[in-house]
Every structure is written in C-alpha cells, then in structure tokens.
Protein backbone atom coordinates (compact mmCIF):
# COMPACT_ATOMS: atom_id res chain seq x y z
CA MET A 1 14.26 4.49 0.04
CA PRO A 2 15.04 1.89 1.38
CA LYS A 3 15.29 -0.43 -1.34
CA LEU A 4 12.22 -3.10 -0.71
CA LEU A 5 12.87 -7.07 0.77
CA ASP A 6 10.40 -8.46 -2.98
CA GLY A 7 12.54 -6.27 -4.98
CA PHE A 8 15.52 -7.96 -3.42
CA VAL A 9 13.76 -11.21 -3.92
CA ALA A 10 12.54 -10.15 -7.51
CA ASP A 11 16.17 -8.91 -8.38
CA LYS A 12 17.31 -12.13 -6.92
CA GLY A 13 15.44 -14.32 -8.76
CA ASP A 14 15.40 -12.40 -11.87
CA GLU A 15 20.11 -13.26 -11.68
CA ALA A 16 18.64 -16.89 -11.45
CA GLY A 17 16.13 -16.88 -13.77
CA LEU A 18 13.74 -17.60 -12.00
CA PRO A 19 9.87 -15.92 -11.75
CA THR A 20 8.33 -13.81 -9.28
CA PRO A 21 5.13 -12.11 -10.27
CA THR A 22 4.11 -11.45 -6.71
CA HIS A 23 7.08 -9.38 -5.29
CA ARG A 24 7.11 -7.79 -8.67
CA ALA A 25 4.09 -6.81 -7.99
CA LEU A 26 3.64 -6.16 -4.73
CA VAL A 27 7.07 -3.08 -5.46
CA GLN A 28 4.93 -2.05 -7.87
CA VAL A 29 1.77 -0.99 -6.13
CA VAL A 30 3.82 0.30 -2.74
CA LYS A 31 5.62 2.76 -5.20
CA GLU A 32 2.19 4.00 -6.84
CA VAL A 33 0.92 4.63 -2.83
CA GLU A 34 4.39 6.65 -2.11
CA ARG A 35 3.61 8.65 -5.85
CA GLY A 36 0.38 9.46 -4.36
CA GLU A 37 -1.26 7.86 -7.23
CA VAL A 38 -2.99 5.60 -5.08
CA GLU A 39 -4.34 6.06 -1.83
CA ALA A 40 -2.89 2.83 0.80
CA SER A 41 -5.98 -0.06 0.91
CA PRO A 42 -6.48 -3.66 1.73
CA ALA A 43 -8.43 -3.55 -1.42
CA LEU A 44 -5.26 -3.68 -2.62
CA VAL A 45 -3.81 -7.26 -2.32
CA ASP A 46 -6.76 -7.59 -5.07
CA ARG A 47 -4.41 -5.10 -7.70
CA VAL A 48 -1.18 -7.92 -6.25
CA TRP A 49 -2.77 -10.58 -7.74
CA GLU A 50 -4.10 -9.09 -10.43
CA LEU A 51 -0.67 -7.70 -11.32
CA ALA A 52 1.21 -10.88 -11.22
CA GLY A 53 -1.60 -12.69 -12.45
CA ILE A 54 -2.53 -14.67 -9.99
CA ARG A 55 -6.15 -16.01 -8.63
CA PRO A 56 -6.00 -16.57 -5.30
CA VAL A 57 -7.37 -19.94 -4.04
CA ALA A 58 -9.39 -18.88 -1.53
CA ILE A 59 -11.87 -17.23 -4.36
CA ALA A 60 -10.62 -19.61 -7.29
CA GLN A 61 -12.43 -22.42 -5.38
CA ALA A 62 -15.61 -20.13 -4.07
CA ALA A 63 -16.38 -19.36 -7.64
CA HIS A 64 -17.37 -22.92 -8.95
C-alpha cells in the first residue's frame, strides 16, 4: 500500500513535536476501510472528527 500523504504529515509532525490529530485520524479510518472493517461512506468524516477530538465549526455554531 502506498504511504498516505496524511501519514507522512503525521510522521513529520511527530518528528517536530507538533500534534496532527486529523491526519492521524484520517489514516486510521482509511486503514479500517482498506481492511474491510467499515464500509466507505461520507459519514466516516464524522468518525475522523471524533477520533481527532475535534468538533467541526459549522456543527458547533449550529448547536448554539
């Protein structure tokens, strides 16, 4: 499997001591799809946000 650009960014972030939670989360979700653990779906974007510990701004604003 070719290395994902997001995996490269996450690795470089680690080397520099910078957190890259969205890149790590995206790599994890892509690998889950590749292993057949989950079906590819636009809904997986929410899983990336959840794993990264991020709440998208549009959702956060709508909740007010």
